[in-house]
Amino acid sequence: MNTICPKCGNPKQPWFKLCFSCNEKEKQKPTCEICGIEVPERHYLCKTHFLEKLQEKKKLNQIEFVKTKKQEDYKKKFEGKYYFNSMKIKSKSELIICYFLNANGVIFSYEPEMNIENEIFRPDFVIEDKKGNTIILEHNGMEDETSKERYDKKKKIYEKFCKENKEYYCIFTDEDYIYDLKDKLGKEFNKTPLAKPLWK
């Protein structure tokens, strides 16, 4: 498996597409909503797709650009509506976890790509310490049956993966944790190499 980051050439975990630093930089770069290539600050379309949208606008004589259903579905599924340090976060509960981790000096990556058993997963939070340990934190904030099934499936896969790779650890949270992160999530972290006597 490839352990060299294709962006910077530094070592990376084989399960991730990029190293931790490059992954964070990529998230902060503005990209075209349609094709995903990098665009200048405050732009949301590349030149090609901007011109296409402009043509559509002229043809239809509309003030706003027309967005296809596919684009809308993509935004609803993958983009968050909350912000933490320029990162888009999907839910309030995950935003609260971001603040908890930040307050405790824990550097994390939000929804990075992981290749596990030839399938792409995006854990909610991934934390890497200086000793080469990695902690996967998955939060279940939904109560509908479909979300529960998806969460249970990911939980089994992450647990199996962590069992087979001793430098990996899993933490699973739900909405009950949000009301007492200091105690509940702190106790979970204390079962990992990130253990500390006091969590804020």
N, C-alpha and C. Protein backbone atom coordinates (compact mmCIF):
# COMPACT_ATOMS: atom_id res chain seq x y z
N MET A 1 0.83 -1.20 0.00
CA MET A 1 0.00 0.00 0.00
C MET A 1 0.88 1.26 0.00
N ASN A 2 0.41 2.31 -0.68
CA ASN A 2 1.20 3.53 -0.78
C ASN A 2 1.21 4.30 0.54
N THR A 3 2.41 4.59 1.04
CA THR A 3 2.53 5.32 2.32
C THR A 3 3.17 6.68 2.13
N ILE A 4 3.24 7.16 0.88
CA ILE A 4 3.81 8.48 0.59
C ILE A 4 2.70 9.39 0.09
N CYS A 5 2.62 10.59 0.67
CA CYS A 5 1.59 11.55 0.26
C CYS A 5 1.88 12.04 -1.16
N PRO A 6 0.92 11.93 -2.09
CA PRO A 6 1.16 12.37 -3.47
C PRO A 6 1.30 13.88 -3.62
N LYS A 7 0.88 14.64 -2.61
CA LYS A 7 0.95 16.10 -2.68
C LYS A 7 2.32 16.62 -2.26
N CYS A 8 2.81 16.16 -1.08
CA CYS A 8 4.04 16.73 -0.52
C CYS A 8 5.19 15.74 -0.45
N GLY A 9 4.91 14.45 -0.63
CA GLY A 9 5.98 13.45 -0.58
C GLY A 9 6.33 12.99 0.82
N ASN A 10 5.63 13.51 1.82
CA ASN A 10 5.88 13.09 3.21
C ASN A 10 5.16 11.77 3.50
N PRO A 11 5.59 11.07 4.56
CA PRO A 11 4.91 9.81 4.90
C PRO A 11 3.45 10.05 5.28
N LYS A 12 2.61 9.07 4.97
CA LYS A 12 1.21 9.13 5.35
C LYS A 12 0.75 7.74 5.73
N GLN A 13 -0.38 7.66 6.41
CA GLN A 13 -0.96 6.37 6.73
C GLN A 13 -1.51 5.76 5.44
N PRO A 14 -1.32 4.47 5.21
CA PRO A 14 -1.76 3.86 3.94
C PRO A 14 -3.27 3.92 3.73
N TRP A 15 -4.02 4.14 4.81
CA TRP A 15 -5.48 4.13 4.70
C TRP A 15 -6.03 5.46 4.20
N PHE A 16 -5.17 6.51 4.23
CA PHE A 16 -5.63 7.84 3.84
C PHE A 16 -5.09 8.23 2.47
N LYS A 17 -5.84 9.04 1.76
CA LYS A 17 -5.44 9.50 0.43
C LYS A 17 -4.26 10.46 0.53
N LEU A 18 -4.30 11.38 1.52
CA LEU A 18 -3.24 12.37 1.72
C LEU A 18 -2.73 12.31 3.15
N CYS A 19 -1.58 12.97 3.41
CA CYS A 19 -1.11 13.06 4.79
C CYS A 19 -2.02 14.03 5.55
N PHE A 20 -1.90 14.07 6.86
CA PHE A 20 -2.77 14.88 7.72
C PHE A 20 -2.73 16.36 7.31
N SER A 21 -1.50 16.91 7.11
CA SER A 21 -1.36 18.33 6.78
C SER A 21 -1.99 18.68 5.45
N CYS A 22 -1.71 17.86 4.43
CA CYS A 22 -2.26 18.13 3.09
C CYS A 22 -3.77 17.99 3.08
N ASN A 23 -4.30 17.04 3.85
CA ASN A 23 -5.74 16.85 3.92
C ASN A 23 -6.42 18.11 4.47
N GLU A 24 -5.82 18.71 5.51
CA GLU A 24 -6.40 19.92 6.09
C GLU A 24 -6.31 21.09 5.12
N LYS A 25 -5.16 21.20 4.41
CA LYS A 25 -5.00 22.28 3.44
C LYS A 25 -6.01 22.16 2.31
N GLU A 26 -6.25 20.93 1.85
CA GLU A 26 -7.19 20.69 0.76
C GLU A 26 -8.59 21.15 1.14
N LYS A 27 -8.97 20.91 2.40
CA LYS A 27 -10.32 21.26 2.84
C LYS A 27 -10.54 22.77 2.85
N GLN A 28 -9.45 23.53 3.03
CA GLN A 28 -9.58 24.98 3.14
C GLN A 28 -9.51 25.67 1.78
N LYS A 29 -9.16 24.93 0.73
CA LYS A 29 -9.09 25.52 -0.60
C LYS A 29 -10.49 25.57 -1.21
N PRO A 30 -10.89 26.72 -1.79
CA PRO A 30 -12.18 26.76 -2.48
C PRO A 30 -12.11 25.95 -3.76
N THR A 31 -13.16 25.22 -4.06
CA THR A 31 -13.19 24.39 -5.26
C THR A 31 -14.47 24.61 -6.04
N CYS A 32 -14.43 24.30 -7.31
CA CYS A 32 -15.61 24.41 -8.18
C CYS A 32 -16.69 23.44 -7.69
N GLU A 33 -17.90 23.93 -7.55
CA GLU A 33 -19.00 23.10 -7.07
C GLU A 33 -19.33 21.95 -8.02
N ILE A 34 -18.96 22.10 -9.29
CA ILE A 34 -19.34 21.09 -10.28
C ILE A 34 -18.24 20.06 -10.51
N CYS A 35 -17.02 20.54 -10.83
CA CYS A 35 -15.95 19.59 -11.18
C CYS A 35 -14.94 19.38 -10.06
N GLY A 36 -14.94 20.25 -9.05
CA GLY A 36 -14.07 20.04 -7.90
C GLY A 36 -12.65 20.59 -8.02
N ILE A 37 -12.31 21.26 -9.15
CA ILE A 37 -10.94 21.79 -9.25
C ILE A 37 -10.82 23.07 -8.44
N GLU A 38 -9.59 23.43 -8.07
CA GLU A 38 -9.35 24.60 -7.22
C GLU A 38 -9.70 25.88 -7.97
N VAL A 39 -10.33 26.81 -7.26
CA VAL A 39 -10.70 28.10 -7.85
C VAL A 39 -10.21 29.22 -6.93
N PRO A 40 -10.16 30.48 -7.44
CA PRO A 40 -9.71 31.60 -6.59
C PRO A 40 -10.64 31.83 -5.40
N GLU A 41 -10.15 32.54 -4.39
CA GLU A 41 -10.95 32.88 -3.21
C GLU A 41 -12.25 33.55 -3.61
N ARG A 42 -13.32 33.22 -2.91
CA ARG A 42 -14.67 33.77 -3.08
C ARG A 42 -15.35 33.32 -4.37
N HIS A 43 -14.73 32.39 -5.10
CA HIS A 43 -15.37 31.84 -6.30
C HIS A 43 -15.92 30.46 -5.96
N TYR A 44 -16.98 30.07 -6.64
CA TYR A 44 -17.53 28.75 -6.38
C TYR A 44 -17.63 27.93 -7.67
N LEU A 45 -17.21 28.53 -8.80
CA LEU A 45 -17.17 27.82 -10.07
C LEU A 45 -15.85 28.09 -10.78
N CYS A 46 -15.37 27.10 -11.54
CA CYS A 46 -14.20 27.33 -12.38
C CYS A 46 -14.64 28.17 -13.58
N LYS A 47 -13.67 28.63 -14.36
CA LYS A 47 -13.99 29.52 -15.48
C LYS A 47 -14.94 28.85 -16.48
N THR A 48 -14.65 27.58 -16.79
CA THR A 48 -15.48 26.85 -17.76
C THR A 48 -16.93 26.76 -17.32
N HIS A 49 -17.14 26.34 -16.08
CA HIS A 49 -18.51 26.17 -15.60
C HIS A 49 -19.19 27.51 -15.29
N PHE A 50 -18.38 28.53 -14.97
CA PHE A 50 -18.94 29.86 -14.79
C PHE A 50 -19.53 30.38 -16.11
N LEU A 51 -18.77 30.19 -17.20
CA LEU A 51 -19.25 30.63 -18.51
C LEU A 51 -20.49 29.85 -18.93
N GLU A 52 -20.49 28.55 -18.62
CA GLU A 52 -21.67 27.74 -18.93
C GLU A 52 -22.90 28.26 -18.20
N LYS A 53 -22.71 28.57 -16.91
CA LYS A 53 -23.83 29.09 -16.12
C LYS A 53 -24.29 30.45 -16.65
N LEU A 54 -23.32 31.25 -17.09
CA LEU A 54 -23.65 32.57 -17.62
C LEU A 54 -24.51 32.43 -18.88
N GLN A 55 -24.16 31.48 -19.73
CA GLN A 55 -24.94 31.22 -20.93
C GLN A 55 -26.36 30.79 -20.57
N GLU A 56 -26.48 29.90 -19.58
CA GLU A 56 -27.80 29.46 -19.14
C GLU A 56 -28.63 30.64 -18.66
N LYS A 57 -27.96 31.52 -17.90
CA LYS A 57 -28.66 32.68 -17.35
C LYS A 57 -29.19 33.59 -18.46
N LYS A 58 -28.34 33.78 -19.48
CA LYS A 58 -28.76 34.62 -20.59
C LYS A 58 -29.92 33.99 -21.35
N LYS A 59 -29.82 32.69 -21.59
CA LYS A 59 -30.87 31.99 -22.34
C LYS A 59 -32.20 32.03 -21.60
N LEU A 60 -32.15 31.80 -20.32
CA LEU A 60 -33.39 31.71 -19.55
C LEU A 60 -33.83 33.04 -18.95
N ASN A 61 -32.95 34.06 -19.13
CA ASN A 61 -33.26 35.40 -18.62
C ASN A 61 -33.60 35.38 -17.13
N GLN A 62 -32.77 34.65 -16.37
CA GLN A 62 -32.99 34.57 -14.93
C GLN A 62 -31.92 35.36 -14.19
N ILE A 63 -32.27 35.78 -13.00
CA ILE A 63 -31.31 36.52 -12.18
C ILE A 63 -30.31 35.57 -11.53
N GLU A 64 -30.80 34.44 -11.05
CA GLU A 64 -29.93 33.47 -10.38
C GLU A 64 -29.58 32.33 -11.31
N PHE A 65 -28.43 31.72 -11.07
CA PHE A 65 -28.02 30.57 -11.86
C PHE A 65 -28.92 29.38 -11.55
N VAL A 66 -29.13 28.56 -12.57
CA VAL A 66 -29.94 27.36 -12.39
C VAL A 66 -29.05 26.24 -11.88
N LYS A 67 -29.49 25.58 -10.85
CA LYS A 67 -28.73 24.46 -10.30
C LYS A 67 -29.47 23.15 -10.56
N THR A 68 -28.76 22.18 -11.01
CA THR A 68 -29.38 20.89 -11.30
C THR A 68 -29.71 20.17 -9.99
N LYS A 69 -30.61 19.21 -10.08
CA LYS A 69 -31.00 18.43 -8.91
C LYS A 69 -29.79 17.67 -8.36
N LYS A 70 -28.94 17.22 -9.27
CA LYS A 70 -27.76 16.47 -8.84
C LYS A 70 -26.85 17.33 -7.96
N GLN A 71 -26.64 18.58 -8.34
CA GLN A 71 -25.81 19.48 -7.55
C GLN A 71 -26.43 19.74 -6.18
N GLU A 72 -27.77 19.94 -6.17
CA GLU A 72 -28.45 20.19 -4.91
C GLU A 72 -28.34 18.98 -3.99
N ASP A 73 -28.54 17.78 -4.55
CA ASP A 73 -28.42 16.56 -3.75
C ASP A 73 -27.02 16.40 -3.20
N TYR A 74 -26.03 16.74 -4.02
CA TYR A 74 -24.63 16.64 -3.58
C TYR A 74 -24.38 17.57 -2.39
N LYS A 75 -24.84 18.81 -2.50
CA LYS A 75 -24.63 19.79 -1.43
C LYS A 75 -25.30 19.35 -0.13
N LYS A 76 -26.55 18.85 -0.27
CA LYS A 76 -27.28 18.42 0.92
C LYS A 76 -26.59 17.23 1.60
N LYS A 77 -26.04 16.34 0.78
CA LYS A 77 -25.45 15.12 1.32
C LYS A 77 -24.07 15.35 1.91
N PHE A 78 -23.23 16.14 1.23
CA PHE A 78 -21.83 16.20 1.61
C PHE A 78 -21.40 17.50 2.30
N GLU A 79 -22.13 18.58 2.11
CA GLU A 79 -21.67 19.84 2.67
C GLU A 79 -22.39 20.17 3.97
N GLY A 80 -21.63 20.69 4.92
CA GLY A 80 -22.22 21.09 6.19
C GLY A 80 -22.77 22.50 6.13
N LYS A 81 -23.50 22.86 7.19
CA LYS A 81 -24.05 24.22 7.23
C LYS A 81 -23.50 25.02 8.40
N TYR A 82 -22.60 24.40 9.19
CA TYR A 82 -21.95 25.10 10.29
C TYR A 82 -20.46 25.22 9.99
N TYR A 83 -19.80 26.18 10.62
CA TYR A 83 -18.38 26.38 10.37
C TYR A 83 -17.56 26.29 11.65
N PHE A 84 -16.40 25.66 11.53
CA PHE A 84 -15.42 25.65 12.62
C PHE A 84 -14.05 25.83 11.98
N ASN A 85 -13.40 26.96 12.26
CA ASN A 85 -12.08 27.27 11.68
C ASN A 85 -12.06 27.06 10.17
N SER A 86 -13.04 27.60 9.48
CA SER A 86 -13.20 27.54 8.03
C SER A 86 -13.61 26.16 7.49
N MET A 87 -13.80 25.18 8.36
CA MET A 87 -14.29 23.86 7.93
C MET A 87 -15.81 23.83 8.02
N LYS A 88 -16.44 23.22 7.04
CA LYS A 88 -17.89 23.05 7.08
C LYS A 88 -18.21 21.80 7.90
N ILE A 89 -19.05 21.95 8.90
CA ILE A 89 -19.44 20.86 9.80
C ILE A 89 -20.93 20.58 9.58
N LYS A 90 -21.28 19.29 9.55
CA LYS A 90 -22.65 18.92 9.17
C LYS A 90 -23.70 19.17 10.24
N SER A 91 -23.36 18.98 11.52
CA SER A 91 -24.40 19.07 12.55
C SER A 91 -23.92 19.88 13.75
N LYS A 92 -24.88 20.34 14.56
CA LYS A 92 -24.54 21.09 15.76
C LYS A 92 -23.77 20.21 16.75
N SER A 93 -24.15 18.94 16.84
CA SER A 93 -23.48 18.03 17.77
C SER A 93 -22.02 17.85 17.39
N GLU A 94 -21.76 17.69 16.10
CA GLU A 94 -20.37 17.55 15.65
C GLU A 94 -19.60 18.84 15.87
N LEU A 95 -20.29 19.98 15.73
CA LEU A 95 -19.66 21.27 15.98
C LEU A 95 -19.25 21.37 17.46
N ILE A 96 -20.11 20.91 18.36
CA ILE A 96 -19.79 20.92 19.79
C ILE A 96 -18.58 20.03 20.07
N ILE A 97 -18.51 18.88 19.40
CA ILE A 97 -17.35 17.99 19.57
C ILE A 97 -16.08 18.69 19.08
N CYS A 98 -16.19 19.44 17.98
CA CYS A 98 -15.04 20.21 17.47
C CYS A 98 -14.51 21.15 18.54
N TYR A 99 -15.42 21.88 19.20
CA TYR A 99 -15.01 22.83 20.23
C TYR A 99 -14.41 22.10 21.43
N PHE A 100 -14.95 20.94 21.78
CA PHE A 100 -14.41 20.16 22.88
C PHE A 100 -12.98 19.72 22.58
N LEU A 101 -12.76 19.18 21.38
CA LEU A 101 -11.42 18.73 21.00
C LEU A 101 -10.45 19.89 20.96
N ASN A 102 -10.89 21.01 20.40
CA ASN A 102 -10.03 22.19 20.31
C ASN A 102 -9.67 22.72 21.69
N ALA A 103 -10.65 22.75 22.60
CA ALA A 103 -10.40 23.25 23.96
C ALA A 103 -9.39 22.39 24.70
N ASN A 104 -9.31 21.12 24.32
CA ASN A 104 -8.39 20.20 24.98
C ASN A 104 -7.09 20.00 24.20
N GLY A 105 -6.87 20.85 23.20
CA GLY A 105 -5.62 20.80 22.44
C GLY A 105 -5.47 19.59 21.56
N VAL A 106 -6.59 18.98 21.16
CA VAL A 106 -6.55 17.78 20.31
C VAL A 106 -6.69 18.20 18.85
N ILE A 107 -5.67 17.92 18.06
CA ILE A 107 -5.70 18.25 16.63
C ILE A 107 -6.41 17.12 15.89
N PHE A 108 -7.38 17.47 15.08
CA PHE A 108 -8.19 16.44 14.42
C PHE A 108 -8.41 16.78 12.96
N SER A 109 -8.81 15.77 12.21
CA SER A 109 -9.21 15.95 10.82
C SER A 109 -10.69 15.57 10.73
N TYR A 110 -11.47 16.38 10.01
CA TYR A 110 -12.91 16.14 9.92
C TYR A 110 -13.25 15.44 8.61
N GLU A 111 -13.85 14.27 8.72
CA GLU A 111 -14.29 13.46 7.59
C GLU A 111 -13.23 13.27 6.51
N PRO A 112 -12.03 12.80 6.87
CA PRO A 112 -11.04 12.49 5.83
C PRO A 112 -11.40 11.16 5.16
N GLU A 113 -10.92 10.96 3.96
CA GLU A 113 -11.16 9.68 3.27
C GLU A 113 -10.27 8.60 3.86
N MET A 114 -10.86 7.44 4.12
CA MET A 114 -10.11 6.27 4.56
C MET A 114 -10.47 5.09 3.66
N ASN A 115 -9.46 4.37 3.23
CA ASN A 115 -9.69 3.19 2.40
C ASN A 115 -9.56 1.96 3.29
N ILE A 116 -10.69 1.35 3.61
CA ILE A 116 -10.70 0.15 4.45
C ILE A 116 -11.33 -0.98 3.66
N GLU A 117 -10.57 -2.04 3.49
CA GLU A 117 -11.04 -3.21 2.73
C GLU A 117 -11.56 -2.80 1.35
N ASN A 118 -10.79 -1.93 0.69
CA ASN A 118 -11.10 -1.46 -0.66
C ASN A 118 -12.43 -0.72 -0.77
N GLU A 119 -12.85 -0.12 0.33
CA GLU A 119 -14.07 0.69 0.33
C GLU A 119 -13.75 2.03 0.99
N ILE A 120 -14.27 3.12 0.42
CA ILE A 120 -13.99 4.45 0.95
C ILE A 120 -14.96 4.79 2.08
N PHE A 121 -14.40 5.19 3.23
CA PHE A 121 -15.19 5.63 4.38
C PHE A 121 -14.74 7.04 4.77
N ARG A 122 -15.63 7.75 5.43
CA ARG A 122 -15.31 9.09 5.94
C ARG A 122 -15.70 9.17 7.42
N PRO A 123 -14.81 8.74 8.31
CA PRO A 123 -15.13 8.86 9.74
C PRO A 123 -15.34 10.32 10.10
N ASP A 124 -16.19 10.57 11.09
CA ASP A 124 -16.48 11.96 11.47
C ASP A 124 -15.22 12.70 11.90
N PHE A 125 -14.42 12.07 12.76
CA PHE A 125 -13.18 12.69 13.24
C PHE A 125 -12.06 11.65 13.22
N VAL A 126 -10.88 12.09 12.82
CA VAL A 126 -9.70 11.24 12.90
C VAL A 126 -8.60 12.04 13.60
N ILE A 127 -8.02 11.43 14.63
CA ILE A 127 -6.99 12.08 15.43
C ILE A 127 -5.72 11.26 15.36
N GLU A 128 -4.60 11.90 15.04
CA GLU A 128 -3.31 11.21 15.00
C GLU A 128 -2.40 11.85 16.03
N ASP A 129 -1.78 11.02 16.90
CA ASP A 129 -0.84 11.58 17.87
C ASP A 129 0.58 11.49 17.33
N LYS A 130 1.53 12.03 18.10
CA LYS A 130 2.93 12.09 17.65
C LYS A 130 3.62 10.73 17.69
N LYS A 131 2.98 9.75 18.31
CA LYS A 131 3.59 8.42 18.43
C LYS A 131 3.11 7.46 17.35
N GLY A 132 2.30 7.97 16.42
CA GLY A 132 1.82 7.13 15.31
C GLY A 132 0.51 6.43 15.58
N ASN A 133 -0.16 6.77 16.67
CA ASN A 133 -1.47 6.19 16.97
C ASN A 133 -2.57 7.02 16.29
N THR A 134 -3.63 6.35 15.90
CA THR A 134 -4.75 7.03 15.23
C THR A 134 -6.05 6.64 15.92
N ILE A 135 -6.86 7.65 16.20
CA ILE A 135 -8.15 7.41 16.85
C ILE A 135 -9.27 7.83 15.89
N ILE A 136 -10.18 6.91 15.65
CA ILE A 136 -11.36 7.19 14.82
C ILE A 136 -12.53 7.48 15.75
N LEU A 137 -13.13 8.64 15.59
CA LEU A 137 -14.28 9.02 16.41
C LEU A 137 -15.49 9.17 15.50
N GLU A 138 -16.48 8.31 15.71
CA GLU A 138 -17.70 8.32 14.89
C GLU A 138 -18.89 8.71 15.77
N HIS A 139 -19.62 9.74 15.34
CA HIS A 139 -20.77 10.22 16.11
C HIS A 139 -22.07 9.88 15.41
N ASN A 140 -23.01 9.32 16.16
CA ASN A 140 -24.34 9.02 15.61
C ASN A 140 -25.34 10.04 16.15
N GLY A 141 -25.72 10.99 15.29
CA GLY A 141 -26.66 12.01 15.72
C GLY A 141 -28.06 11.82 15.18
N MET A 142 -28.27 10.75 14.41
CA MET A 142 -29.57 10.50 13.79
C MET A 142 -30.25 9.30 14.44
N GLU A 143 -31.58 9.35 14.47
CA GLU A 143 -32.32 8.26 15.12
C GLU A 143 -33.17 7.44 14.15
N ASP A 144 -33.20 7.84 12.87
CA ASP A 144 -34.02 7.07 11.92
C ASP A 144 -33.36 5.73 11.62
N GLU A 145 -34.14 4.80 11.13
CA GLU A 145 -33.69 3.42 10.93
C GLU A 145 -32.56 3.31 9.92
N THR A 146 -32.65 4.07 8.83
CA THR A 146 -31.61 4.02 7.79
C THR A 146 -30.27 4.48 8.33
N SER A 147 -30.27 5.59 9.07
CA SER A 147 -29.02 6.11 9.65
C SER A 147 -28.45 5.15 10.67
N LYS A 148 -29.31 4.52 11.46
CA LYS A 148 -28.85 3.57 12.46
C LYS A 148 -28.18 2.36 11.80
N GLU A 149 -28.78 1.86 10.73
CA GLU A 149 -28.20 0.72 10.02
C GLU A 149 -26.82 1.08 9.44
N ARG A 150 -26.73 2.28 8.87
CA ARG A 150 -25.46 2.73 8.29
C ARG A 150 -24.40 2.89 9.39
N TYR A 151 -24.82 3.45 10.52
CA TYR A 151 -23.91 3.64 11.65
C TYR A 151 -23.43 2.29 12.20
N ASP A 152 -24.35 1.34 12.36
CA ASP A 152 -23.99 0.01 12.87
C ASP A 152 -23.02 -0.71 11.93
N LYS A 153 -23.24 -0.53 10.63
CA LYS A 153 -22.35 -1.16 9.64
C LYS A 153 -20.94 -0.58 9.76
N LYS A 154 -20.85 0.76 9.82
CA LYS A 154 -19.54 1.39 9.94
C LYS A 154 -18.86 1.00 11.25
N LYS A 155 -19.65 0.91 12.32
CA LYS A 155 -19.10 0.56 13.62
C LYS A 155 -18.43 -0.81 13.58
N LYS A 156 -19.08 -1.78 12.96
CA LYS A 156 -18.50 -3.13 12.86
C LYS A 156 -17.21 -3.11 12.05
N ILE A 157 -17.22 -2.36 10.95
CA ILE A 157 -16.03 -2.30 10.09
C ILE A 157 -14.87 -1.61 10.81
N TYR A 158 -15.16 -0.48 11.50
CA TYR A 158 -14.10 0.24 12.22
C TYR A 158 -13.55 -0.61 13.36
N GLU A 159 -14.42 -1.30 14.08
CA GLU A 159 -13.97 -2.14 15.20
C GLU A 159 -13.07 -3.27 14.70
N LYS A 160 -13.45 -3.89 13.60
CA LYS A 160 -12.65 -4.97 13.01
C LYS A 160 -11.29 -4.42 12.56
N PHE A 161 -11.32 -3.26 11.90
CA PHE A 161 -10.10 -2.63 11.40
C PHE A 161 -9.15 -2.29 12.56
N CYS A 162 -9.69 -1.73 13.63
CA CYS A 162 -8.87 -1.34 14.78
C CYS A 162 -8.33 -2.57 15.51
N LYS A 163 -9.08 -3.63 15.52
CA LYS A 163 -8.63 -4.86 16.16
C LYS A 163 -7.45 -5.45 15.40
N GLU A 164 -7.49 -5.33 14.08
CA GLU A 164 -6.42 -5.87 13.24
C GLU A 164 -5.20 -4.95 13.16
N ASN A 165 -5.39 -3.69 13.49
CA ASN A 165 -4.29 -2.71 13.44
C ASN A 165 -4.16 -2.06 14.81
N LYS A 166 -3.19 -2.52 15.57
CA LYS A 166 -3.07 -2.17 16.99
C LYS A 166 -2.83 -0.69 17.25
N GLU A 167 -2.34 0.05 16.24
CA GLU A 167 -2.10 1.48 16.46
C GLU A 167 -3.37 2.32 16.20
N TYR A 168 -4.48 1.63 15.91
CA TYR A 168 -5.75 2.32 15.67
C TYR A 168 -6.73 2.04 16.80
N TYR A 169 -7.52 3.07 17.14
CA TYR A 169 -8.51 2.97 18.22
C TYR A 169 -9.82 3.58 17.73
N CYS A 170 -10.95 3.08 18.24
CA CYS A 170 -12.27 3.59 17.85
C CYS A 170 -13.00 4.15 19.07
N ILE A 171 -13.71 5.24 18.83
CA ILE A 171 -14.62 5.78 19.84
C ILE A 171 -15.95 6.05 19.13
N PHE A 172 -17.03 5.59 19.74
CA PHE A 172 -18.37 5.78 19.15
C PHE A 172 -19.23 6.56 20.14
N THR A 173 -19.83 7.64 19.66
CA THR A 173 -20.65 8.49 20.52
C THR A 173 -22.05 8.64 19.93
N ASP A 174 -22.97 9.07 20.80
CA ASP A 174 -24.32 9.41 20.33
C ASP A 174 -24.73 10.72 21.00
N GLU A 175 -25.99 11.11 20.85
CA GLU A 175 -26.44 12.41 21.35
C GLU A 175 -26.35 12.54 22.87
N ASP A 176 -26.40 11.42 23.60
CA ASP A 176 -26.29 11.48 25.06
C ASP A 176 -24.93 12.03 25.49
N TYR A 177 -23.91 11.79 24.70
CA TYR A 177 -22.56 12.26 25.03
C TYR A 177 -22.48 13.79 25.00
N ILE A 178 -23.24 14.40 24.13
CA ILE A 178 -23.13 15.84 23.89
C ILE A 178 -23.41 16.65 25.16
N TYR A 179 -24.25 16.11 26.05
CA TYR A 179 -24.61 16.84 27.26
C TYR A 179 -23.54 16.74 28.34
N ASP A 180 -22.57 15.86 28.17
CA ASP A 180 -21.51 15.72 29.18
C ASP A 180 -20.22 15.19 28.53
N LEU A 181 -19.71 15.95 27.58
CA LEU A 181 -18.51 15.52 26.86
C LEU A 181 -17.31 15.36 27.79
N LYS A 182 -17.18 16.29 28.73
CA LYS A 182 -16.03 16.26 29.64
C LYS A 182 -15.92 14.91 30.35
N ASP A 183 -17.04 14.38 30.81
CA ASP A 183 -17.03 13.11 31.54
C ASP A 183 -17.09 11.92 30.59
N LYS A 184 -18.10 11.89 29.71
CA LYS A 184 -18.33 10.71 28.87
C LYS A 184 -17.27 10.53 27.78
N LEU A 185 -17.04 11.58 27.00
CA LEU A 185 -16.05 11.46 25.93
C LEU A 185 -14.64 11.43 26.51
N GLY A 186 -14.43 12.17 27.60
CA GLY A 186 -13.13 12.13 28.27
C GLY A 186 -12.77 10.72 28.72
N LYS A 187 -13.75 9.99 29.26
CA LYS A 187 -13.50 8.61 29.70
C LYS A 187 -13.15 7.71 28.52
N GLU A 188 -13.79 7.94 27.37
CA GLU A 188 -13.48 7.15 26.18
C GLU A 188 -12.05 7.42 25.71
N PHE A 189 -11.66 8.69 25.72
CA PHE A 189 -10.30 9.04 25.32
C PHE A 189 -9.26 8.45 26.28
N ASN A 190 -9.65 8.29 27.53
CA ASN A 190 -8.71 7.76 28.52
C ASN A 190 -8.45 6.26 28.32
N LYS A 191 -9.18 5.63 27.41
CA LYS A 191 -8.91 4.23 27.05
C LYS A 191 -7.95 4.15 25.87
N THR A 192 -7.49 5.30 25.39
CA THR A 192 -6.60 5.39 24.23
C THR A 192 -5.28 6.04 24.66
N PRO A 193 -4.30 6.12 23.76
CA PRO A 193 -3.04 6.80 24.09
C PRO A 193 -3.20 8.29 24.38
N LEU A 194 -4.37 8.87 24.12
CA LEU A 194 -4.59 10.29 24.40
C LEU A 194 -5.03 10.53 25.85
N ALA A 195 -4.95 9.53 26.69
CA ALA A 195 -5.40 9.63 28.09
C ALA A 195 -4.73 10.81 28.78
N LYS A 196 -5.52 11.55 29.58
CA LYS A 196 -4.99 12.66 30.38
C LYS A 196 -5.80 12.77 31.67
N PRO A 197 -5.21 13.32 32.71
CA PRO A 197 -5.91 13.36 34.02
C PRO A 197 -7.16 14.25 34.04
N LEU A 198 -7.18 15.29 33.22
CA LEU A 198 -8.32 16.22 33.28
C LEU A 198 -8.70 16.67 31.88
N TRP A 199 -10.00 16.54 31.58
CA TRP A 199 -10.55 17.02 30.32
C TRP A 199 -11.41 18.25 30.58
N LYS A 200 -11.27 19.27 29.75
CA LYS A 200 -12.01 20.52 29.95
C LYS A 200 -13.43 20.41 29.45
